Amino acid sequence: MDCKREILNYCHSIGLDTVGFTKCRVYTELEGYLCFRKENLLESEFEEKDIKKRINSCEYMDGGKTIISVAFPYLFKKDHIQKDIKFSLYTRGKDYHKVVEAYLKKICGYIESLGGKTRYFVDSNFLPERYIAFQSGIGFIGKNNMLITKRYGSYVFLGEIITDIEVESDIPLKSKCGNCSLCQTACPTGAICGNRDSNKCMSYITQKKNVDSKWFPIFQGRLFGCDTCQEVCPYNGDIIYSNIEDLRPFNFMERVDLNEIVNIDKSTFIEKYYNTSCGWRGKNIIQRNAIINALMLGKNVEIKNIKSSYIKDYYNRLLHVLKL
């Protein structure tokens, strides 16, 4: 039985057409690079500090032989028109962790029907998933450190499955960036120039618990995440839109009610925003970002009684910045 073909056919039958395979192994070739990042304080707080855990895929499943990398497109329409207040494109639909998990469970069930053992991952491991996807031949890693696929550009989520079924590995794709540096030039903080400093990435900064006041003017309407490097990428021009209905954007995420968010209460957050792909960071982060943008851009919003000491601190810091 050709297990690879069987698995690919099943994935296609449930609407997934960007799937690749690579050997479950230790990625020794990444160790030097990751050590350099650690030594030069280029890691973000979201990154695993133990490099051995990040490069050894064999730790995650006894007898694991193959990693299956799956791309899940999330873009339903082009939205390159700059709006002054916006959520990143990837955050606007249903929480992708839940959506991707449901698909991976189906694939795992099918592989198990073939006699294999499985374990799936959706942001639930320390492995370099973009590098694994690159090794699996489903895309190349651009200068903005995003995985870029042929059909969907970089507008994809990634999920992985480790199985004890041995499958022939796919061939990694060569980078197609060439001399293009549009993403590096457009990056608002220069985070993807030189050694790529994750701590300067605006997407990361909008998600941090503690944000330095120096970043307030650079938010420029970003409520969560930053799409700038993707918006200018030539490989995100002529792409195919998503067919995954659960990732279709919610209207309230596309048509932002800034007044609602700056004064958001727990019940409204749970009812609406918690179910999106930015809800995992909690109410305070989204409310804080909304207040930063409202005050820095001079929006006509009424910020009512602030009860949270965390939010109050940012409000007072913003007032101080605006007086300078």
Protein backbone atom coordinates (compact mmCIF):
# COMPACT_ATOMS: atom_id res chain seq x y z
CA MET A 1 0.00 0.00 0.00
CA ASP A 2 1.25 3.48 -0.91
CA CYS A 3 0.59 5.21 2.42
CA LYS A 4 1.80 8.56 1.17
CA ARG A 5 -0.66 8.60 -1.71
CA GLU A 6 -3.44 7.35 0.56
CA ILE A 7 -2.83 10.14 3.08
CA LEU A 8 -2.61 12.79 0.38
CA ASN A 9 -5.84 11.60 -1.20
CA TYR A 10 -7.61 11.73 2.14
CA CYS A 11 -6.33 15.26 2.82
CA HIS A 12 -7.56 16.36 -0.60
CA SER A 13 -10.95 14.81 0.12
CA ILE A 14 -11.40 17.10 3.13
CA GLY A 15 -10.22 20.21 1.26
CA LEU A 16 -6.51 20.31 2.11
CA ASP A 17 -4.18 20.49 -0.88
CA THR A 18 -0.89 21.76 0.55
CA VAL A 19 0.58 18.82 2.44
CA GLY A 20 4.17 17.58 2.70
CA PHE A 21 6.29 14.92 4.40
CA THR A 22 9.70 14.97 6.02
CA LYS A 23 11.72 12.65 8.24
CA CYS A 24 11.27 12.83 12.01
CA ARG A 25 14.77 13.67 13.18
CA VAL A 26 17.06 16.04 15.06
CA TYR A 27 17.56 19.32 13.18
CA THR A 28 21.22 19.69 14.06
CA GLU A 29 21.66 22.22 11.24
CA LEU A 30 19.58 24.75 13.23
CA GLU A 31 21.49 24.50 16.50
CA GLY A 32 24.17 27.07 15.65
CA TYR A 33 21.61 29.61 14.43
CA LEU A 34 19.42 29.18 17.51
CA CYS A 35 22.44 29.49 19.82
CA PHE A 36 23.40 32.72 18.04
CA ARG A 37 19.88 34.09 18.59
CA LYS A 38 19.99 33.20 22.26
CA GLU A 39 23.45 34.69 22.82
CA ASN A 40 22.46 37.92 21.06
CA LEU A 41 19.11 38.29 22.88
CA LEU A 42 17.12 37.94 19.67
CA GLU A 43 14.58 35.50 21.11
CA SER A 44 11.10 36.62 22.11
CA GLU A 45 9.39 35.61 25.35
CA PHE A 46 7.18 33.19 23.40
CA GLU A 47 10.15 31.09 22.26
CA GLU A 48 11.28 27.96 24.09
CA LYS A 49 14.62 28.59 25.80
CA ASP A 50 15.85 24.97 25.67
CA ILE A 51 17.36 24.65 22.20
CA LYS A 52 17.55 20.85 22.45
CA LYS A 53 13.75 20.73 22.70
CA ARG A 54 13.43 22.94 19.62
CA ILE A 55 15.53 20.78 17.31
CA ASN A 56 14.65 17.23 18.36
CA SER A 57 11.36 16.08 16.84
CA CYS A 58 12.04 12.55 18.08
CA GLU A 59 11.20 13.62 21.65
CA TYR A 60 7.54 13.99 20.83
CA MET A 61 6.69 10.41 19.90
CA ASP A 62 8.40 7.10 20.58
CA GLY A 63 9.02 5.43 17.26
CA GLY A 64 8.10 8.51 15.24
CA LYS A 65 9.42 8.26 11.69
CA THR A 66 7.61 10.92 9.63
CA ILE A 67 6.32 14.44 10.15
CA ILE A 68 3.39 15.52 8.00
CA SER A 69 3.15 19.29 7.55
CA VAL A 70 -0.21 20.75 6.55
CA ALA A 71 -0.96 24.33 5.45
CA PHE A 72 -4.38 25.86 6.18
CA PRO A 73 -5.17 28.97 4.08
CA TYR A 74 -7.04 31.71 5.93
CA LEU A 75 -7.40 34.60 3.48
CA PHE A 76 -10.90 35.02 2.03
CA LYS A 77 -10.37 38.30 0.21
CA LYS A 78 -7.58 40.71 -0.43
CA ASP A 79 -7.47 43.50 2.06
CA HIS A 80 -4.43 45.56 1.14
CA ILE A 81 -6.24 48.87 1.54
CA GLN A 82 -4.80 50.44 4.67
CA LYS A 83 -7.48 51.05 7.26
CA ASP A 84 -6.60 53.23 10.18
CA ILE A 85 -7.79 50.73 12.80
CA LYS A 86 -7.57 47.01 12.12
CA PHE A 87 -6.94 43.50 13.33
CA SER A 88 -4.37 41.41 11.49
CA LEU A 89 -5.93 39.23 8.77
CA TYR A 90 -5.07 36.00 10.54
CA THR A 91 -6.97 36.94 13.69
CA ARG A 92 -10.34 37.72 12.14
CA GLY A 93 -11.93 34.29 11.95
CA LYS A 94 -12.63 31.53 14.45
CA ASP A 95 -9.69 30.59 16.68
CA TYR A 96 -7.43 28.74 14.27
CA HIS A 97 -6.11 26.44 17.00
CA LYS A 98 -9.56 24.84 17.23
CA VAL A 99 -10.11 24.79 13.46
CA VAL A 100 -6.74 23.25 12.62
CA GLU A 101 -7.02 20.78 15.50
CA ALA A 102 -10.34 19.46 14.13
CA TYR A 103 -8.77 18.81 10.72
CA LEU A 104 -5.65 17.18 12.17
CA LYS A 105 -7.79 14.86 14.31
CA LYS A 106 -9.54 13.67 11.15
CA ILE A 107 -6.22 13.01 9.41
CA CYS A 108 -4.89 11.20 12.47
CA GLY A 109 -7.99 9.03 12.55
CA TYR A 110 -7.45 8.09 8.93
CA ILE A 111 -3.75 7.27 9.46
CA GLU A 112 -4.67 5.13 12.45
CA SER A 113 -7.12 3.24 10.22
CA LEU A 114 -4.09 2.40 8.07
CA GLY A 115 -2.38 0.92 11.14
CA GLY A 116 -0.20 3.87 12.13
CA LYS A 117 0.24 5.69 15.39
CA THR A 118 -0.09 9.50 15.41
CA ARG A 119 0.31 12.69 17.41
CA TYR A 120 -0.77 16.10 16.16
CA PHE A 121 0.36 19.64 17.01
CA VAL A 122 -1.11 23.12 16.63
CA ASP A 123 1.24 25.58 18.33
CA SER A 124 1.55 22.92 21.04
CA ASN A 125 5.23 22.07 20.70
CA PHE A 126 8.59 23.79 20.55
CA LEU A 127 9.56 22.61 17.09
CA PRO A 128 10.41 25.04 14.25
CA GLU A 129 7.19 24.48 12.30
CA ARG A 130 8.07 26.82 9.43
CA TYR A 131 11.37 25.03 8.94
CA ILE A 132 9.57 21.67 9.06
CA ALA A 133 7.09 22.93 6.47
CA PHE A 134 10.02 24.07 4.33
CA GLN A 135 11.69 20.66 4.70
CA SER A 136 8.36 19.08 3.72
CA GLY A 137 8.36 20.97 0.42
CA ILE A 138 5.15 22.95 0.93
CA GLY A 139 6.81 26.36 0.76
CA PHE A 140 9.99 28.37 1.14
CA ILE A 141 10.93 30.70 3.99
CA GLY A 142 11.03 34.32 2.86
CA LYS A 143 13.22 37.15 4.09
CA ASN A 144 10.38 38.10 6.45
CA ASN A 145 10.72 34.64 8.03
CA MET A 146 7.25 33.65 6.80
CA LEU A 147 6.57 30.38 5.02
CA ILE A 148 5.45 31.21 1.47
CA THR A 149 3.37 28.64 -0.42
CA LYS A 150 2.70 28.57 -4.15
CA ARG A 151 -1.11 28.62 -3.95
CA TYR A 152 -1.79 30.75 -0.88
CA GLY A 153 1.32 32.86 -0.39
CA SER A 154 2.14 33.32 3.28
CA TYR A 155 -1.52 33.52 4.35
CA VAL A 156 -1.51 30.06 5.94
CA PHE A 157 -1.61 28.44 9.35
CA LEU A 158 0.51 25.34 9.91
CA GLY A 159 -0.17 22.08 11.67
CA GLU A 160 1.94 18.96 12.08
CA ILE A 161 1.38 15.25 12.59
CA ILE A 162 4.07 12.81 13.70
CA THR A 163 3.47 9.19 12.73
CA ASP A 164 5.35 5.92 13.02
CA ILE A 165 4.57 5.15 9.38
CA GLU A 166 7.68 5.67 7.26
CA VAL A 167 6.91 7.84 4.24
CA GLU A 168 9.25 9.15 1.55
CA SER A 169 10.27 12.75 2.30
CA ASP A 170 9.46 15.58 -0.07
CA ILE A 171 12.12 17.89 -1.49
CA PRO A 172 12.56 21.36 0.10
CA LEU A 173 11.88 24.32 -2.17
CA LYS A 174 14.52 26.90 -2.99
CA SER A 175 13.96 30.47 -1.85
CA LYS A 176 12.49 32.73 -4.53
CA CYS A 177 13.14 36.04 -2.78
CA GLY A 178 16.26 36.79 -4.81
CA ASN A 179 17.25 40.45 -4.54
CA CYS A 180 13.77 41.55 -3.42
CA SER A 181 13.79 43.44 -0.13
CA LEU A 182 10.29 44.95 -0.13
CA CYS A 183 9.33 43.34 3.17
CA GLN A 184 12.51 44.49 4.89
CA THR A 185 12.06 48.04 3.63
CA ALA A 186 8.39 48.16 4.64
CA CYS A 187 8.83 46.70 8.15
CA PRO A 188 7.90 49.53 10.56
CA THR A 189 10.62 48.64 13.07
CA GLY A 190 13.34 47.01 10.96
CA ALA A 191 12.76 43.71 12.77
CA ILE A 192 13.43 41.56 9.70
CA CYS A 193 16.61 43.29 8.64
CA GLY A 194 20.01 41.85 9.54
CA ASN A 195 19.70 39.25 12.30
CA ARG A 196 15.88 39.40 12.56
CA ASP A 197 15.11 40.62 16.06
CA SER A 198 11.81 39.08 17.17
CA ASN A 199 11.57 41.56 20.02
CA LYS A 200 11.18 44.42 17.52
CA CYS A 201 8.43 42.76 15.45
CA MET A 202 5.24 44.85 15.70
CA SER A 203 3.09 41.72 15.61
CA TYR A 204 4.93 40.47 18.69
CA ILE A 205 4.82 43.87 20.39
CA THR A 206 1.02 44.04 20.05
CA GLN A 207 0.83 40.69 21.87
CA LYS A 208 3.29 41.39 24.69
CA LYS A 209 2.04 41.87 28.23
CA ASN A 210 4.48 44.73 28.82
CA VAL A 211 4.98 47.30 26.07
CA ASP A 212 7.52 50.11 26.31
CA SER A 213 6.15 53.60 25.66
CA LYS A 214 8.55 54.09 22.75
CA TRP A 215 6.41 51.73 20.67
CA PHE A 216 3.13 53.65 21.15
CA PRO A 217 3.54 55.87 18.05
CA ILE A 218 4.30 52.85 15.85
CA PHE A 219 1.07 51.01 16.58
CA GLN A 220 -0.56 53.10 13.83
CA GLY A 221 -3.95 51.39 14.10
CA ARG A 222 -2.67 47.85 14.74
CA LEU A 223 -5.06 46.27 17.24
CA PHE A 224 -3.38 42.86 17.16
CA GLY A 225 -0.70 41.61 14.81
CA CYS A 226 0.94 43.29 11.83
CA ASP A 227 0.50 42.38 8.16
CA THR A 228 2.91 44.90 6.64
CA CYS A 229 5.57 42.47 5.41
CA GLN A 230 2.90 40.23 3.91
CA GLU A 231 1.05 43.06 2.21
CA VAL A 232 4.08 44.07 0.14
CA CYS A 233 5.25 40.54 -0.71
CA PRO A 234 4.97 39.84 -4.47
CA TYR A 235 4.09 36.21 -3.76
CA ASN A 236 0.94 37.33 -1.96
CA GLY A 237 -0.40 38.98 -5.09
CA ASP A 238 -1.92 36.32 -7.32
CA ILE A 239 -3.09 33.73 -4.80
CA ILE A 240 -6.04 31.43 -4.19
CA TYR A 241 -8.46 32.26 -1.39
CA SER A 242 -9.33 29.94 1.48
CA ASN A 243 -12.03 27.29 1.27
CA ILE A 244 -12.13 26.70 5.03
CA GLU A 245 -15.41 28.25 6.13
CA ASP A 246 -14.56 28.20 9.85
CA LEU A 247 -11.74 30.66 9.12
CA ARG A 248 -14.03 33.16 7.37
CA PRO A 249 -13.70 36.58 9.10
CA PHE A 250 -16.35 37.73 11.56
CA ASN A 251 -18.02 41.00 10.57
CA PHE A 252 -17.12 42.66 13.88
CA MET A 253 -13.45 41.86 13.26
CA GLU A 254 -13.51 43.51 9.84
CA ARG A 255 -15.65 46.47 10.84
CA VAL A 256 -14.03 47.48 14.08
CA ASP A 257 -16.10 49.20 16.76
CA LEU A 258 -13.35 51.09 18.56
CA ASN A 259 -15.71 52.47 21.18
CA GLU A 260 -16.73 48.94 22.11
CA ILE A 261 -13.17 47.70 22.47
CA VAL A 262 -11.75 50.60 24.50
CA ASN A 263 -14.55 50.05 27.02
CA ILE A 264 -14.91 46.30 26.62
CA ASP A 265 -16.27 44.26 29.51
CA LYS A 266 -15.66 40.61 30.27
CA SER A 267 -19.01 39.38 28.94
CA THR A 268 -18.58 41.12 25.56
CA PHE A 269 -15.04 39.82 25.25
CA ILE A 270 -16.10 36.23 25.94
CA GLU A 271 -19.14 36.46 23.66
CA LYS A 272 -17.24 37.83 20.66
CA TYR A 273 -13.48 38.31 20.73
CA TYR A 274 -12.50 35.30 22.84
CA ASN A 275 -13.50 33.00 19.97
CA THR A 276 -11.16 34.67 17.48
CA SER A 277 -7.47 33.94 16.85
CA CYS A 278 -6.40 36.77 19.13
CA GLY A 279 -8.70 35.88 22.02
CA TRP A 280 -6.10 33.65 23.67
CA ARG A 281 -4.19 36.74 24.87
CA GLY A 282 -7.13 37.92 26.92
CA LYS A 283 -9.30 41.01 27.21
CA ASN A 284 -6.70 43.39 28.64
CA ILE A 285 -4.27 43.10 25.73
CA ILE A 286 -6.91 43.94 23.12
CA GLN A 287 -8.37 46.76 25.23
CA ARG A 288 -4.91 48.19 25.88
CA ASN A 289 -4.08 48.19 22.16
CA ALA A 290 -7.38 49.86 21.34
CA ILE A 291 -6.71 52.65 23.85
CA ILE A 292 -3.15 53.11 22.55
CA ASN A 293 -4.47 53.52 19.02
CA ALA A 294 -7.43 55.70 20.02
CA LEU A 295 -5.27 58.22 21.86
CA MET A 296 -2.23 58.17 19.57
CA LEU A 297 -4.41 58.66 16.47
CA GLY A 298 -6.67 61.22 18.14
CA LYS A 299 -9.85 59.20 17.65
CA ASN A 300 -13.14 60.60 18.89
CA VAL A 301 -13.96 57.89 21.42
CA GLU A 302 -15.23 58.11 24.96
CA ILE A 303 -13.04 56.13 27.33
CA LYS A 304 -15.25 55.49 30.34
CA ASN A 305 -14.38 54.47 33.86
CA ILE A 306 -11.27 52.24 33.76
CA LYS A 307 -11.30 49.69 36.57
CA SER A 308 -8.27 47.58 35.66
CA SER A 309 -5.02 48.86 37.23
CA TYR A 310 -3.17 47.36 34.25
CA ILE A 311 -5.21 49.37 31.74
CA LYS A 312 -5.10 52.46 33.96
CA ASP A 313 -1.31 52.36 33.93
CA TYR A 314 -1.21 52.40 30.11
CA TYR A 315 -3.81 55.16 29.97
CA ASN A 316 -1.71 57.36 32.25
CA ARG A 317 1.48 56.59 30.32
CA LEU A 318 -0.26 57.55 27.08
CA LEU A 319 -1.38 60.85 28.52
CA HIS A 320 2.21 61.51 29.53
CA VAL A 321 3.52 60.68 26.04
CA LEU A 322 0.93 62.95 24.42
CA LYS A 323 2.02 65.87 26.63
CA LEU A 324 5.67 65.58 25.54
